[in-house]
Amino acid sequence: MTPPSGADTAASPATTEAVVDLRAIAHNVATIAATTEAAVMAVVKADGFGHGLVPIARTALDAGATWLGVTSAAEAMTLRAAGVDAPILTWLHRPDEDFRALIDAGVDISAASVEHVRGIAASASATRPATVHLKVDTGMSRNGAVPGEWPHLVDAAYDLERAGLLRVRGVWTHLATADEPERPETARQLAAFDDALKVASATGLAPALRHVANSAGALAVPESHFDLVRAGIATYGIEPVVGRAYGLRPAMTLRARAILVKRVPPGTGVSYGLDYTTTRPTTLVLVPLGYADGVPRNVAPAAEVWMRGRRHRIAGRVSMDQFVIDVGDTPATIGDEIILFGPGDRGEPTARDWAGWSDTNAHEILTRIGPRVPRRHIPASQRPPQPGPPRQRPPTKESPHV
């Protein structure tokens, strides 16, 4: 469609966008680095937790991270194609994959079984050895070799290292309950990790990097730091430890602009199923975001958004591409900004609020924001805004880390 004569379409505000403040990313990485003498890995999997893989990686490295963590070959190779030459670890693979591109690109690969380490070596050569990190399962029962299989993995890796096909750079594990530091499981996992290190050493392996700590471990469990800490959700400004704050700043603000405003009488049903019915004359505002964009469908009627200086409840069910808010007698016009979540400085909801309303965690809220929503990045070099008044609302309960 041809725009009206004289219309400046380039100047029109975005209907939807996720604004990513790279200043917050830099602040968070620097905050984590200041808590430890270990090196910092910024975990940028899942498109940088939905924030943008390459911009987050570059910002984190500039702010003090020296490693990057991803889960797939595609993510690692995207970083290399963008010119990011920092050390990268990738950790979710089938043992029969072709690892040659990763090896050629100097990407470290995690191995959690004898089959994996042999599969990686099959893609390597004496002139092009692979670099691996061996993962041990210390009690999370997810990825990693269980204690009974660990000696076999270590022996196989040692034989392949002597053959010149690979180099064991790291040994690692993952903590299951570091976000609740008072629980005893973390100490048991650390003890199991020490045992695994002794097995590796007795075999003859001498890995340069031992790493255990996730975001919660990096901030709350100093004995888990070893040589490297892996900062995932904390990089993006979500406090990872229940009931504690470390000064992190949420980096993403999800916002939209009203595309329709209507005044309706009492008794008006709203959205599918007409579960919501107005109780008085009120104004309804249509927001062009829905569950196809990552807005949780199961939040209404608990969820709130921010418009014109206050919170407003969602009215009725979230649809695929849109939802409605009931703003009462608040003046509203087409083009009004609606913030679904942000840092919370002004009282707007946060990703943790949405996590509580959806019975999930902030990780899912951030990573589910889909590609239909454009990302706009505020450069880390831009002058930060003046701090606003402290947020008065109590934090919303969030499901634990998974």
Protein backbone atom coordinates (compact mmCIF):
# COMPACT_ATOMS: atom_id res chain seq x y z
CA MET A 1 0.00 0.00 0.00
CA THR A 2 1.28 3.46 -0.91
CA PRO A 3 1.49 5.77 2.13
CA PRO A 4 -0.50 9.00 2.04
CA SER A 5 1.22 11.91 0.38
CA GLY A 6 3.64 13.58 2.76
CA ALA A 7 3.62 10.69 5.26
CA ASP A 8 6.99 9.97 6.85
CA THR A 9 6.80 6.22 7.41
CA ALA A 10 10.40 6.08 8.64
CA ALA A 11 9.50 8.37 11.52
CA SER A 12 6.52 6.28 12.64
CA PRO A 13 7.11 4.62 16.00
CA ALA A 14 7.43 0.84 16.03
CA THR A 15 4.17 -0.97 16.75
CA THR A 16 6.05 -3.62 18.73
CA GLU A 17 9.66 -3.91 19.80
CA ALA A 18 11.98 -5.41 22.35
CA VAL A 19 14.44 -2.75 23.45
CA VAL A 20 17.70 -4.28 24.64
CA ASP A 21 19.86 -2.01 26.77
CA LEU A 22 23.45 -3.11 26.16
CA ARG A 23 24.52 -0.79 28.97
CA ALA A 24 22.72 -3.14 31.34
CA ILE A 25 24.47 -6.15 29.83
CA ALA A 26 27.86 -4.49 30.33
CA HIS A 27 26.95 -3.55 33.91
CA ASN A 28 25.82 -7.07 34.74
CA VAL A 29 28.92 -8.74 33.33
CA ALA A 30 31.16 -6.28 35.18
CA THR A 31 29.21 -6.94 38.39
CA ILE A 32 29.70 -10.69 38.06
CA ALA A 33 33.39 -10.33 37.21
CA ALA A 34 33.91 -8.22 40.31
CA THR A 35 32.68 -11.06 42.54
CA THR A 36 35.33 -13.59 41.52
CA GLU A 37 38.94 -14.13 40.52
CA ALA A 38 37.82 -16.77 38.05
CA ALA A 39 37.33 -16.06 34.35
CA VAL A 40 33.77 -15.29 33.23
CA MET A 41 31.88 -17.09 30.48
CA ALA A 42 28.85 -15.21 29.18
CA VAL A 43 26.25 -17.78 28.18
CA VAL A 44 24.67 -16.48 24.99
CA LYS A 45 22.66 -19.55 23.94
CA ALA A 46 19.11 -19.21 22.61
CA ASP A 47 19.97 -16.03 20.70
CA GLY A 48 21.44 -14.46 23.81
CA PHE A 49 18.35 -15.44 25.86
CA GLY A 50 16.29 -13.66 23.20
CA HIS A 51 18.34 -10.46 23.38
CA GLY A 52 20.40 -10.96 20.21
CA LEU A 53 23.33 -13.37 19.96
CA VAL A 54 26.04 -11.24 18.39
CA PRO A 55 25.37 -7.88 20.10
CA ILE A 56 25.23 -9.58 23.51
CA ALA A 57 28.41 -11.55 22.86
CA ARG A 58 30.37 -8.49 21.81
CA THR A 59 29.10 -6.40 24.71
CA ALA A 60 29.85 -9.12 27.25
CA LEU A 61 33.40 -9.53 25.96
CA ASP A 62 33.98 -5.79 26.06
CA ALA A 63 32.72 -5.75 29.66
CA GLY A 64 35.10 -8.40 30.97
CA ALA A 65 33.90 -11.83 29.90
CA THR A 66 36.60 -13.91 28.22
CA TRP A 67 34.53 -16.93 27.18
CA LEU A 68 31.19 -17.47 25.46
CA GLY A 69 28.86 -20.43 25.97
CA VAL A 70 26.34 -21.81 23.47
CA THR A 71 24.46 -25.05 23.02
CA SER A 72 24.70 -25.68 19.29
CA ALA A 73 27.13 -25.70 16.41
CA ALA A 74 24.90 -23.22 14.58
CA GLU A 75 25.21 -20.66 17.39
CA ALA A 76 28.97 -21.11 17.59
CA MET A 77 29.44 -20.77 13.86
CA THR A 78 27.21 -17.68 13.75
CA LEU A 79 29.55 -16.03 16.24
CA ARG A 80 32.62 -17.01 14.24
CA ALA A 81 31.01 -15.76 11.01
CA ALA A 82 30.42 -12.41 12.73
CA GLY A 83 34.12 -12.14 13.52
CA VAL A 84 33.91 -13.08 17.20
CA ASP A 85 37.20 -14.88 17.90
CA ALA A 86 36.93 -15.34 21.69
CA PRO A 87 36.96 -18.87 23.15
CA ILE A 88 33.59 -20.59 22.75
CA LEU A 89 32.24 -23.74 24.38
CA THR A 90 29.29 -25.60 22.87
CA TRP A 91 27.67 -28.48 24.73
CA LEU A 92 24.63 -30.14 23.16
CA HIS A 93 25.44 -32.56 20.35
CA ARG A 94 24.80 -36.09 19.15
CA PRO A 95 27.95 -38.21 19.20
CA ASP A 96 27.68 -38.97 15.46
CA GLU A 97 27.68 -35.34 14.27
CA ASP A 98 30.29 -33.97 11.90
CA PHE A 99 32.41 -31.77 14.15
CA ARG A 100 34.91 -30.65 11.51
CA ALA A 101 33.55 -27.12 11.15
CA LEU A 102 33.70 -26.57 14.91
CA ILE A 103 37.22 -27.96 15.11
CA ASP A 104 38.39 -25.81 12.20
CA ALA A 105 36.82 -22.74 13.84
CA GLY A 106 38.60 -23.39 17.14
CA VAL A 107 35.39 -24.02 19.08
CA ASP A 108 35.64 -26.15 22.23
CA ILE A 109 33.19 -29.07 22.37
CA SER A 110 31.71 -30.74 25.44
CA ALA A 111 31.76 -34.52 25.74
CA ALA A 112 29.58 -36.38 28.25
CA SER A 113 30.12 -40.00 27.23
CA VAL A 114 32.66 -42.31 25.66
CA GLU A 115 30.55 -42.25 22.50
CA HIS A 116 30.72 -38.47 22.38
CA VAL A 117 34.45 -38.18 22.87
CA ARG A 118 35.08 -40.84 20.22
CA GLY A 119 32.65 -39.15 17.86
CA ILE A 120 34.45 -35.84 18.26
CA ALA A 121 37.83 -37.52 17.70
CA ALA A 122 36.49 -39.10 14.50
CA SER A 123 36.18 -35.61 13.03
CA ALA A 124 39.67 -34.61 14.18
CA SER A 125 43.19 -35.41 13.02
CA ALA A 126 46.71 -35.16 14.36
CA THR A 127 47.14 -31.92 12.43
CA ARG A 128 43.72 -30.64 13.49
CA PRO A 129 42.94 -31.93 17.00
CA ALA A 130 39.70 -31.14 18.77
CA THR A 131 39.54 -29.30 22.08
CA VAL A 132 37.06 -30.80 24.53
CA HIS A 133 35.60 -30.26 27.99
CA LEU A 134 34.53 -33.44 29.76
CA LYS A 135 31.24 -33.13 31.62
CA VAL A 136 30.49 -35.12 34.74
CA ASP A 137 27.03 -35.59 36.26
CA THR A 138 27.45 -34.75 39.94
CA GLY A 139 23.80 -35.04 40.89
CA MET A 140 21.61 -33.08 38.49
CA SER A 141 20.92 -36.19 36.37
CA ARG A 142 20.77 -34.17 33.18
CA ASN A 143 23.84 -33.92 30.91
CA GLY A 144 27.17 -35.44 31.93
CA ALA A 145 28.68 -38.84 32.66
CA VAL A 146 27.42 -40.57 35.80
CA PRO A 147 30.09 -41.62 38.35
CA GLY A 148 30.14 -45.22 37.14
CA GLU A 149 30.84 -44.12 33.55
CA TRP A 150 33.18 -41.26 34.40
CA PRO A 151 36.40 -43.34 34.62
CA HIS A 152 35.67 -44.85 31.19
CA LEU A 153 35.15 -41.39 29.69
CA VAL A 154 38.35 -40.12 31.26
CA ASP A 155 40.34 -43.14 30.05
CA ALA A 156 39.01 -42.80 26.51
CA ALA A 157 39.79 -39.07 26.46
CA TYR A 158 43.31 -39.70 27.76
CA ASP A 159 44.00 -42.30 25.06
CA LEU A 160 42.72 -39.98 22.34
CA GLU A 161 44.76 -37.10 23.75
CA ARG A 162 47.91 -39.25 23.64
CA ALA A 163 47.04 -40.15 20.05
CA GLY A 164 47.01 -36.44 19.21
CA LEU A 165 43.35 -36.33 18.17
CA LEU A 166 42.09 -34.11 20.96
CA ARG A 167 43.11 -31.95 23.89
CA VAL A 168 41.17 -32.00 27.15
CA ARG A 169 40.99 -28.34 28.14
CA GLY A 170 38.23 -28.53 30.73
CA VAL A 171 36.27 -30.63 33.20
CA TRP A 172 32.88 -29.32 34.25
CA THR A 173 29.50 -29.93 35.80
CA HIS A 174 26.28 -28.02 36.49
CA LEU A 175 24.66 -27.10 39.80
CA ALA A 176 21.02 -27.98 40.41
CA THR A 177 20.14 -25.90 43.49
CA ALA A 178 22.61 -22.99 43.67
CA ASP A 179 19.68 -20.56 43.51
CA GLU A 180 18.76 -21.84 47.00
CA PRO A 181 22.18 -21.69 48.71
CA GLU A 182 20.93 -23.08 52.01
CA ARG A 183 20.14 -26.46 50.45
CA PRO A 184 22.71 -29.24 51.05
CA GLU A 185 22.77 -30.59 47.50
CA THR A 186 25.27 -28.01 46.28
CA ALA A 187 27.89 -29.11 48.80
CA ARG A 188 27.30 -32.72 47.77
CA GLN A 189 27.75 -31.83 44.12
CA LEU A 190 30.99 -29.99 44.84
CA ALA A 191 32.31 -33.00 46.73
CA ALA A 192 31.38 -35.25 43.80
CA PHE A 193 33.15 -32.85 41.45
CA ASP A 194 36.31 -33.03 43.55
CA ASP A 195 36.14 -36.82 43.32
CA ALA A 196 35.78 -36.59 39.53
CA LEU A 197 38.82 -34.32 39.32
CA LYS A 198 40.87 -36.84 41.30
CA VAL A 199 39.88 -39.60 38.86
CA ALA A 200 40.89 -37.42 35.91
CA SER A 201 44.21 -36.53 37.52
CA ALA A 202 45.00 -40.15 38.36
CA THR A 203 44.44 -41.05 34.72
CA GLY A 204 46.97 -38.44 33.64
CA LEU A 205 44.71 -35.64 32.43
CA ALA A 206 45.61 -32.09 33.44
CA PRO A 207 42.73 -29.83 32.30
CA ALA A 208 43.46 -26.11 32.51
CA LEU A 209 39.84 -25.21 33.26
CA ARG A 210 37.57 -26.57 35.98
CA HIS A 211 34.13 -24.98 35.95
CA VAL A 212 30.98 -25.52 37.95
CA ALA A 213 29.27 -22.22 38.81
CA ASN A 214 26.20 -21.00 36.96
CA SER A 215 24.81 -17.50 37.62
CA ALA A 216 23.63 -18.36 41.11
CA GLY A 217 26.86 -20.12 41.93
CA ALA A 218 28.91 -17.20 40.65
CA LEU A 219 27.09 -14.79 42.95
CA ALA A 220 26.24 -16.90 46.01
CA VAL A 221 28.53 -19.94 46.14
CA PRO A 222 32.16 -18.76 45.99
CA GLU A 223 33.51 -22.25 46.61
CA SER A 224 32.06 -23.24 43.22
CA HIS A 225 34.11 -20.73 41.23
CA PHE A 226 37.22 -22.81 40.39
CA ASP A 227 38.77 -21.44 37.15
CA LEU A 228 35.69 -20.24 35.27
CA VAL A 229 32.11 -19.19 36.09
CA ARG A 230 29.30 -19.42 33.56
CA ALA A 231 26.96 -16.44 33.74
CA GLY A 232 23.64 -17.12 32.05
CA ILE A 233 20.50 -15.40 33.31
CA ALA A 234 22.50 -12.95 35.44
CA THR A 235 24.06 -11.53 32.28
CA TYR A 236 20.58 -10.37 31.29
CA GLY A 237 19.82 -8.74 34.62
CA ILE A 238 17.63 -11.33 36.33
CA GLU A 239 18.63 -11.89 39.96
CA PRO A 240 19.29 -15.65 40.14
CA VAL A 241 19.18 -16.29 43.89
CA VAL A 242 15.88 -16.46 45.74
CA GLY A 243 15.47 -13.48 48.08
CA ARG A 244 18.80 -11.83 47.25
CA ALA A 245 19.75 -8.86 45.08
CA TYR A 246 23.21 -8.23 43.67
CA GLY A 247 22.57 -5.02 41.77
CA LEU A 248 21.85 -6.56 38.39
CA ARG A 249 19.80 -4.60 35.85
CA PRO A 250 17.26 -6.19 33.47
CA ALA A 251 18.27 -5.46 29.91
CA MET A 252 15.07 -6.06 27.93
CA THR A 253 11.94 -3.91 27.72
CA LEU A 254 9.05 -5.40 25.73
CA ARG A 255 6.69 -2.74 24.47
CA ALA A 256 3.95 -2.10 21.97
CA ARG A 257 1.71 0.74 20.87
CA ALA A 258 -2.07 0.80 21.06
CA ILE A 259 -3.68 0.21 17.68
CA LEU A 260 -7.33 0.57 18.69
CA VAL A 261 -9.21 2.28 21.53
CA LYS A 262 -12.92 1.84 22.19
CA ARG A 263 -15.42 2.86 24.85
CA VAL A 264 -17.81 0.09 25.89
CA PRO A 265 -20.77 -0.20 28.29
CA PRO A 266 -21.13 -2.44 31.36
CA GLY A 267 -21.69 -6.11 30.57
CA THR A 268 -19.36 -6.19 27.55
CA GLY A 269 -17.64 -9.56 27.10
CA VAL A 270 -14.01 -9.50 25.94
CA SER A 271 -11.95 -11.99 23.87
CA TYR A 272 -12.41 -15.73 23.31
CA GLY A 273 -14.86 -17.41 25.63
CA LEU A 274 -16.05 -14.02 26.92
CA ASP A 275 -14.45 -14.92 30.26
CA TYR A 276 -14.00 -11.26 31.06
CA THR A 277 -17.02 -8.97 31.34
CA THR A 278 -16.87 -5.26 32.05
CA THR A 279 -18.67 -4.08 35.18
CA ARG A 280 -18.99 -0.39 34.27
CA PRO A 281 -18.49 1.95 31.32
CA THR A 282 -14.82 1.58 30.46
CA THR A 283 -12.16 1.96 27.81
CA LEU A 284 -10.60 -1.06 26.12
CA VAL A 285 -7.21 -0.82 24.40
CA LEU A 286 -6.00 -3.30 21.79
CA VAL A 287 -2.33 -4.36 22.05
CA PRO A 288 -0.76 -5.97 18.94
CA LEU A 289 1.20 -8.75 20.70
CA GLY A 290 0.05 -12.29 21.37
CA TYR A 291 1.17 -15.78 22.13
CA ALA A 292 2.71 -16.10 18.65
CA ASP A 293 5.10 -13.39 19.83
CA GLY A 294 5.81 -15.10 23.13
CA VAL A 295 3.22 -13.49 25.40
CA PRO A 296 2.07 -16.33 27.69
CA ARG A 297 -1.50 -17.33 26.92
CA ASN A 298 -2.23 -18.52 30.46
CA VAL A 299 -1.58 -15.27 32.35
CA ALA A 300 -4.90 -13.44 32.16
CA PRO A 301 -6.49 -12.11 34.29
CA ALA A 302 -3.52 -11.82 36.65
CA ALA A 303 -1.09 -10.12 34.29
CA GLU A 304 -0.65 -6.37 34.08
CA VAL A 305 0.95 -3.92 31.66
CA TRP A 306 2.09 -0.33 32.04
CA MET A 307 0.38 2.54 30.23
CA ARG A 308 0.17 6.25 31.02
CA GLY A 309 1.91 6.01 34.36
CA ARG A 310 0.10 3.07 35.92
CA ARG A 311 -0.58 -0.63 35.65
CA HIS A 312 -3.64 -2.06 33.89
CA ARG A 313 -4.92 -5.63 33.89
CA ILE A 314 -5.28 -7.73 30.78
CA ALA A 315 -8.95 -8.21 29.93
CA GLY A 316 -9.81 -11.71 28.77
CA ARG A 317 -7.67 -14.28 27.04
CA VAL A 318 -4.45 -13.53 25.18
CA SER A 319 -4.95 -14.31 21.49
CA MET A 320 -2.36 -15.38 18.95
CA ASP A 321 -1.56 -11.85 17.79
CA GLN A 322 -3.26 -9.49 20.22
CA PHE A 323 -4.76 -8.91 23.63
CA VAL A 324 -6.98 -6.31 25.29
CA ILE A 325 -6.44 -4.22 28.39
CA ASP A 326 -9.17 -2.53 30.40
CA VAL A 327 -7.94 0.94 31.35
CA GLY A 328 -11.15 2.22 32.97
CA ASP A 329 -11.37 5.99 32.66
CA THR A 330 -7.68 6.50 31.93
CA PRO A 331 -7.37 8.64 28.78
CA ALA A 332 -6.07 6.51 25.92
CA THR A 333 -5.30 7.12 22.27
CA ILE A 334 -4.00 5.12 19.36
CA GLY A 335 -0.21 5.09 19.55
CA ASP A 336 0.00 5.09 23.34
CA GLU A 337 3.00 3.12 24.60
CA ILE A 338 2.23 -0.09 26.47
CA ILE A 339 5.09 -1.77 28.35
CA LEU A 340 4.66 -5.46 29.08
CA PHE A 341 7.87 -5.67 31.09
CA GLY A 342 11.02 -3.71 31.72
CA PRO A 343 13.52 -3.03 34.48
CA GLY A 344 10.74 -1.93 36.85
CA ASP A 345 12.15 1.53 37.54
CA ARG A 346 8.85 3.30 37.01
CA GLY A 347 6.68 0.57 38.47
CA GLU A 348 6.19 -1.29 35.21
CA PRO A 349 6.03 -5.09 35.40
CA THR A 350 9.27 -7.05 35.11
CA ALA A 351 10.07 -10.37 33.47
CA ARG A 352 10.02 -11.88 36.96
CA ASP A 353 6.48 -10.58 37.45
CA TRP A 354 5.41 -12.28 34.23
CA ALA A 355 7.19 -15.45 35.32
CA GLY A 356 5.18 -15.47 38.53
CA TRP A 357 1.92 -14.89 36.69
CA SER A 358 2.75 -17.74 34.28
CA ASP A 359 4.13 -20.19 36.84
CA THR A 360 7.50 -20.37 35.09
CA ASN A 361 10.85 -18.58 35.34
CA ALA A 362 12.21 -15.41 33.77
CA HIS A 363 14.40 -17.47 31.44
CA GLU A 364 11.31 -18.69 29.61
CA ILE A 365 9.68 -15.28 29.50
CA LEU A 366 12.75 -13.75 27.85
CA THR A 367 13.58 -16.55 25.43
CA ARG A 368 10.03 -17.04 24.18
CA ILE A 369 9.79 -13.52 22.68
CA GLY A 370 9.56 -14.42 19.02
CA PRO A 371 11.23 -13.16 15.85
CA ARG A 372 8.17 -11.13 14.81
CA VAL A 373 9.15 -8.65 17.51
CA PRO A 374 12.02 -6.45 16.28
CA ARG A 375 14.98 -5.99 18.61
CA ARG A 376 16.43 -2.53 19.07
CA HIS A 377 19.75 -2.31 20.87
CA ILE A 378 20.84 0.69 22.92
CA PRO A 379 24.65 0.89 22.59
CA ALA A 380 26.69 0.24 25.69
CA SER A 381 28.51 3.51 25.04
CA GLN A 382 25.35 5.63 25.24
CA ARG A 383 24.98 7.74 28.36
CA PRO A 384 22.81 5.89 30.91
CA PRO A 385 19.50 7.41 32.02
CA GLN A 386 19.15 9.07 35.40
CA PRO A 387 17.92 6.55 37.98
CA GLY A 388 14.24 6.76 38.78
CA PRO A 389 12.52 6.29 42.13
CA PRO A 390 12.83 2.83 43.68
CA ARG A 391 10.21 0.30 42.73
CA GLN A 392 7.57 0.11 45.41
CA ARG A 393 5.77 -3.09 44.47
CA PRO A 394 6.95 -6.29 46.19
CA PRO A 395 8.53 -8.91 43.91
CA THR A 396 6.17 -11.43 42.40
CA LYS A 397 6.72 -15.11 43.20
CA GLU A 398 8.56 -16.88 40.45
CA SER A 399 8.95 -20.58 39.81
CA PRO A 400 12.50 -21.84 40.52
CA HIS A 401 15.26 -22.09 38.00
CA VAL A 402 15.07 -25.04 35.66
